N, C-alpha and C. Protein backbone atom coordinates (compact mmCIF):
# COMPACT_ATOMS: atom_id res chain seq x y z
N MET A 1 0.85 -1.17 0.00
CA MET A 1 0.00 0.00 0.00
C MET A 1 0.89 1.23 0.00
N MET A 2 0.62 2.14 -0.88
CA MET A 2 1.46 3.32 -0.99
C MET A 2 1.19 4.30 0.16
N LYS A 3 -0.01 4.73 0.34
CA LYS A 3 -0.39 5.65 1.41
C LYS A 3 -1.81 5.34 1.85
N ALA A 4 -2.11 5.64 3.08
CA ALA A 4 -3.46 5.41 3.60
C ALA A 4 -4.23 6.70 3.77
N SER A 5 -3.54 7.84 3.66
CA SER A 5 -4.22 9.13 3.80
C SER A 5 -3.39 10.20 3.09
N LEU A 6 -3.99 11.36 2.92
CA LEU A 6 -3.31 12.51 2.33
C LEU A 6 -3.30 13.64 3.34
N ALA A 7 -2.19 14.35 3.44
CA ALA A 7 -2.11 15.53 4.31
C ALA A 7 -1.76 16.72 3.44
N TRP A 8 -2.65 17.70 3.41
CA TRP A 8 -2.47 18.87 2.56
C TRP A 8 -2.33 20.13 3.39
N ASP A 9 -1.82 21.16 2.73
CA ASP A 9 -1.78 22.46 3.40
C ASP A 9 -3.12 23.17 3.17
N GLN A 10 -3.19 24.42 3.55
CA GLN A 10 -4.45 25.16 3.52
C GLN A 10 -4.68 25.93 2.22
N GLY A 11 -3.91 25.66 1.17
CA GLY A 11 -4.01 26.41 -0.07
C GLY A 11 -5.34 26.25 -0.80
N SER A 12 -5.70 27.27 -1.57
CA SER A 12 -6.97 27.24 -2.31
C SER A 12 -6.97 26.17 -3.39
N GLU A 13 -5.78 25.73 -3.81
CA GLU A 13 -5.70 24.68 -4.82
C GLU A 13 -6.23 23.35 -4.31
N MET A 14 -6.47 23.26 -3.03
CA MET A 14 -6.97 22.02 -2.43
C MET A 14 -8.49 22.04 -2.25
N ALA A 15 -9.16 22.96 -2.91
CA ALA A 15 -10.61 23.13 -2.74
C ALA A 15 -11.41 21.89 -3.13
N GLN A 16 -10.87 21.06 -4.00
CA GLN A 16 -11.59 19.87 -4.46
C GLN A 16 -11.24 18.63 -3.63
N HIS A 17 -10.82 18.81 -2.40
CA HIS A 17 -10.37 17.70 -1.57
C HIS A 17 -11.43 16.62 -1.40
N ALA A 18 -12.70 16.98 -1.33
CA ALA A 18 -13.75 15.98 -1.14
C ALA A 18 -13.83 15.04 -2.33
N LYS A 19 -13.68 15.57 -3.54
CA LYS A 19 -13.70 14.73 -4.74
C LYS A 19 -12.51 13.77 -4.76
N VAL A 20 -11.35 14.28 -4.38
CA VAL A 20 -10.15 13.43 -4.33
C VAL A 20 -10.34 12.32 -3.30
N SER A 21 -10.86 12.67 -2.15
CA SER A 21 -11.08 11.68 -1.09
C SER A 21 -12.03 10.59 -1.56
N LEU A 22 -13.11 10.97 -2.23
CA LEU A 22 -14.06 9.98 -2.73
C LEU A 22 -13.45 9.11 -3.83
N ALA A 23 -12.71 9.73 -4.74
CA ALA A 23 -12.13 9.00 -5.87
C ALA A 23 -11.04 8.02 -5.44
N THR A 24 -10.34 8.33 -4.36
CA THR A 24 -9.22 7.48 -3.93
C THR A 24 -9.54 6.63 -2.72
N ALA A 25 -10.69 6.85 -2.12
CA ALA A 25 -11.07 6.16 -0.88
C ALA A 25 -10.05 6.40 0.24
N MET A 26 -9.43 7.59 0.21
CA MET A 26 -8.47 7.96 1.25
C MET A 26 -8.95 9.22 1.95
N PRO A 27 -8.84 9.26 3.27
CA PRO A 27 -9.18 10.49 3.96
C PRO A 27 -8.15 11.58 3.67
N VAL A 28 -8.61 12.81 3.64
CA VAL A 28 -7.74 13.96 3.43
C VAL A 28 -7.69 14.75 4.73
N TYR A 29 -6.49 15.03 5.20
CA TYR A 29 -6.28 15.82 6.40
C TYR A 29 -5.58 17.11 6.01
N PHE A 30 -5.86 18.17 6.74
CA PHE A 30 -5.23 19.46 6.47
C PHE A 30 -4.26 19.79 7.60
N ALA A 31 -3.04 20.15 7.20
CA ALA A 31 -2.04 20.55 8.17
C ALA A 31 -2.38 21.94 8.71
N ASP A 32 -1.99 22.18 9.93
CA ASP A 32 -2.18 23.50 10.52
C ASP A 32 -1.28 24.51 9.80
N PRO A 33 -1.71 25.77 9.70
CA PRO A 33 -0.87 26.78 9.06
C PRO A 33 0.50 26.86 9.74
N HIS A 34 1.53 27.04 8.92
CA HIS A 34 2.91 27.19 9.40
C HIS A 34 3.38 25.98 10.20
N SER A 35 2.97 24.78 9.78
CA SER A 35 3.34 23.53 10.47
C SER A 35 3.88 22.51 9.47
N PRO A 36 5.02 22.79 8.84
CA PRO A 36 5.52 21.89 7.80
C PRO A 36 5.84 20.48 8.31
N TRP A 37 6.13 20.34 9.60
CA TRP A 37 6.44 19.02 10.15
C TRP A 37 5.24 18.08 10.08
N GLN A 38 4.05 18.60 9.82
CA GLN A 38 2.87 17.75 9.69
C GLN A 38 2.78 17.12 8.30
N ARG A 39 3.68 17.52 7.40
CA ARG A 39 3.74 16.95 6.05
C ARG A 39 5.20 16.59 5.75
N PRO A 40 5.76 15.60 6.43
CA PRO A 40 7.20 15.34 6.31
C PRO A 40 7.66 14.91 4.92
N SER A 41 6.86 14.13 4.21
CA SER A 41 7.29 13.72 2.86
C SER A 41 7.39 14.92 1.94
N ASN A 42 6.46 15.84 2.06
CA ASN A 42 6.48 17.05 1.26
C ASN A 42 7.71 17.88 1.58
N GLU A 43 8.03 18.02 2.85
CA GLU A 43 9.19 18.81 3.25
C GLU A 43 10.48 18.16 2.78
N ASN A 44 10.56 16.84 2.81
CA ASN A 44 11.75 16.14 2.33
C ASN A 44 11.92 16.38 0.83
N THR A 45 10.84 16.31 0.09
CA THR A 45 10.91 16.55 -1.35
C THR A 45 11.33 17.99 -1.63
N ASN A 46 10.80 18.94 -0.87
CA ASN A 46 11.21 20.33 -1.04
C ASN A 46 12.71 20.48 -0.80
N ARG A 47 13.25 19.78 0.20
CA ARG A 47 14.68 19.84 0.49
C ARG A 47 15.49 19.33 -0.71
N LEU A 48 15.00 18.24 -1.34
CA LEU A 48 15.69 17.71 -2.51
C LEU A 48 15.70 18.73 -3.65
N TYR A 49 14.57 19.37 -3.89
CA TYR A 49 14.50 20.38 -4.95
C TYR A 49 15.40 21.57 -4.65
N ARG A 50 15.56 21.92 -3.38
CA ARG A 50 16.40 23.06 -3.01
C ARG A 50 17.88 22.81 -3.33
N GLU A 51 18.27 21.54 -3.51
CA GLU A 51 19.64 21.27 -3.94
C GLU A 51 19.88 21.82 -5.34
N TYR A 52 18.83 21.90 -6.13
CA TYR A 52 18.93 22.39 -7.50
C TYR A 52 18.46 23.83 -7.63
N LEU A 53 17.43 24.17 -6.88
CA LEU A 53 16.82 25.49 -6.96
C LEU A 53 16.72 26.07 -5.55
N PRO A 54 17.74 26.81 -5.09
CA PRO A 54 17.69 27.37 -3.73
C PRO A 54 16.44 28.22 -3.52
N LYS A 55 15.99 28.30 -2.28
CA LYS A 55 14.80 29.08 -1.94
C LYS A 55 14.94 30.50 -2.47
N GLY A 56 13.90 30.99 -3.10
CA GLY A 56 13.92 32.33 -3.68
C GLY A 56 14.36 32.37 -5.12
N THR A 57 14.82 31.24 -5.67
CA THR A 57 15.25 31.18 -7.05
C THR A 57 14.05 31.35 -7.97
N VAL A 58 14.21 32.16 -8.98
CA VAL A 58 13.17 32.27 -10.00
C VAL A 58 13.30 31.02 -10.87
N ILE A 59 12.23 30.25 -10.93
CA ILE A 59 12.28 29.00 -11.69
C ILE A 59 12.37 29.35 -13.17
N PRO A 60 13.39 28.83 -13.83
CA PRO A 60 13.57 29.17 -15.24
C PRO A 60 12.44 28.60 -16.10
N ASP A 61 12.14 29.33 -17.14
CA ASP A 61 11.12 28.87 -18.09
C ASP A 61 11.83 28.00 -19.13
N HIS A 62 12.39 26.91 -18.64
CA HIS A 62 13.18 26.05 -19.51
C HIS A 62 12.85 24.60 -19.15
N GLN A 63 11.88 24.04 -19.79
CA GLN A 63 11.36 22.73 -19.44
C GLN A 63 12.42 21.62 -19.43
N PRO A 64 13.36 21.58 -20.37
CA PRO A 64 14.36 20.50 -20.30
C PRO A 64 15.13 20.49 -18.98
N TYR A 65 15.46 21.66 -18.44
CA TYR A 65 16.18 21.74 -17.16
C TYR A 65 15.31 21.19 -16.03
N LEU A 66 14.05 21.60 -15.99
CA LEU A 66 13.14 21.11 -14.95
C LEU A 66 12.91 19.61 -15.08
N THR A 67 12.83 19.11 -16.30
CA THR A 67 12.66 17.67 -16.52
C THR A 67 13.89 16.91 -16.02
N THR A 68 15.07 17.45 -16.26
CA THR A 68 16.31 16.82 -15.78
C THR A 68 16.32 16.74 -14.26
N ILE A 69 15.91 17.82 -13.59
CA ILE A 69 15.85 17.81 -12.13
C ILE A 69 14.89 16.73 -11.65
N ALA A 70 13.70 16.67 -12.24
CA ALA A 70 12.70 15.67 -11.83
C ALA A 70 13.23 14.26 -12.05
N GLU A 71 13.89 14.01 -13.18
CA GLU A 71 14.43 12.68 -13.45
C GLU A 71 15.50 12.30 -12.43
N GLU A 72 16.38 13.23 -12.10
CA GLU A 72 17.43 12.93 -11.11
C GLU A 72 16.83 12.63 -9.74
N ILE A 73 15.87 13.42 -9.32
CA ILE A 73 15.25 13.20 -8.01
C ILE A 73 14.46 11.90 -7.99
N ASN A 74 13.75 11.60 -9.07
CA ASN A 74 12.94 10.37 -9.11
C ASN A 74 13.77 9.11 -9.31
N ASN A 75 15.05 9.27 -9.59
CA ASN A 75 15.93 8.11 -9.73
C ASN A 75 16.95 8.02 -8.60
N ARG A 76 16.67 8.71 -7.51
CA ARG A 76 17.51 8.67 -6.31
C ARG A 76 16.86 7.70 -5.31
N PRO A 77 17.59 6.68 -4.85
CA PRO A 77 17.00 5.72 -3.89
C PRO A 77 16.53 6.42 -2.61
N ARG A 78 15.44 5.89 -2.05
CA ARG A 78 14.87 6.45 -0.83
C ARG A 78 14.74 5.37 0.23
N ARG A 79 15.16 5.67 1.43
CA ARG A 79 15.05 4.73 2.54
C ARG A 79 13.60 4.33 2.76
N ARG A 80 12.69 5.30 2.70
CA ARG A 80 11.27 5.04 2.92
C ARG A 80 10.72 4.01 1.93
N LEU A 81 11.34 3.90 0.77
CA LEU A 81 10.89 2.95 -0.26
C LEU A 81 11.74 1.69 -0.27
N GLY A 82 12.40 1.40 0.83
CA GLY A 82 13.25 0.21 0.88
C GLY A 82 14.44 0.33 -0.06
N TYR A 83 14.92 1.54 -0.25
CA TYR A 83 16.05 1.88 -1.12
C TYR A 83 15.77 1.65 -2.59
N LEU A 84 14.49 1.57 -2.95
CA LEU A 84 14.11 1.66 -4.35
C LEU A 84 14.07 3.14 -4.71
N THR A 85 14.14 3.44 -5.98
CA THR A 85 13.91 4.81 -6.41
C THR A 85 12.40 5.02 -6.54
N PRO A 86 11.93 6.26 -6.50
CA PRO A 86 10.50 6.49 -6.73
C PRO A 86 10.05 5.93 -8.08
N THR A 87 10.90 6.00 -9.09
CA THR A 87 10.56 5.45 -10.40
C THR A 87 10.35 3.94 -10.31
N GLU A 88 11.25 3.25 -9.62
CA GLU A 88 11.11 1.79 -9.46
C GLU A 88 9.88 1.43 -8.64
N ALA A 89 9.65 2.16 -7.56
CA ALA A 89 8.49 1.87 -6.71
C ALA A 89 7.19 2.08 -7.48
N PHE A 90 7.12 3.13 -8.27
CA PHE A 90 5.92 3.40 -9.05
C PHE A 90 5.70 2.31 -10.10
N ALA A 91 6.77 1.87 -10.75
CA ALA A 91 6.66 0.79 -11.74
C ALA A 91 6.15 -0.49 -11.09
N ARG A 92 6.64 -0.80 -9.91
CA ARG A 92 6.17 -2.00 -9.19
C ARG A 92 4.71 -1.86 -8.79
N LEU A 93 4.33 -0.67 -8.37
CA LEU A 93 2.94 -0.43 -8.01
C LEU A 93 2.03 -0.64 -9.22
N LEU A 94 2.43 -0.10 -10.37
CA LEU A 94 1.64 -0.28 -11.59
C LEU A 94 1.58 -1.73 -12.03
N ALA A 95 2.63 -2.49 -11.71
CA ALA A 95 2.66 -3.91 -12.06
C ALA A 95 1.83 -4.75 -11.10
N GLY A 96 1.28 -4.12 -10.08
CA GLY A 96 0.40 -4.83 -9.16
C GLY A 96 1.09 -5.49 -7.99
N GLU A 97 2.35 -5.15 -7.75
CA GLU A 97 3.05 -5.73 -6.61
C GLU A 97 2.53 -5.10 -5.32
N PRO A 98 2.12 -5.92 -4.36
CA PRO A 98 1.59 -5.36 -3.11
C PRO A 98 2.71 -4.83 -2.21
N HIS A 99 2.35 -3.91 -1.36
CA HIS A 99 3.24 -3.38 -0.31
C HIS A 99 4.55 -2.85 -0.86
N VAL A 100 4.46 -2.08 -1.92
CA VAL A 100 5.66 -1.49 -2.50
C VAL A 100 6.29 -0.51 -1.54
N ALA A 101 5.48 0.33 -0.96
CA ALA A 101 5.98 1.33 -0.02
C ALA A 101 5.00 1.42 1.13
N SER A 102 5.52 1.66 2.28
CA SER A 102 4.64 1.81 3.43
C SER A 102 5.19 2.89 4.33
N THR A 103 4.35 3.38 5.18
CA THR A 103 4.79 4.38 6.14
C THR A 103 4.83 3.75 7.51
N PRO A 104 5.79 4.18 8.33
CA PRO A 104 5.89 3.58 9.67
C PRO A 104 4.72 3.95 10.55
């Protein structure tokens, strides 16, 4: 099982949370404002992106560069995934392998 719930911030882009919850059969929880520790996976991913794009960097309008960053991050092994890369874990999930990733 990949995840049993979703934790989102308070942004307006999350207005359709009820539809997502129904479509995925997963409860959606909202983190308290200014509480990034309530979304640790998100914060870890942000840290990885900051290696390429420091905070405050204007993101270049250059899709090949952004694609390269995404490919490098998605091909980096993760302890949470049993040292699989996110790309490998996703491929296994699509292949129907159970318990690809779990949360403690």
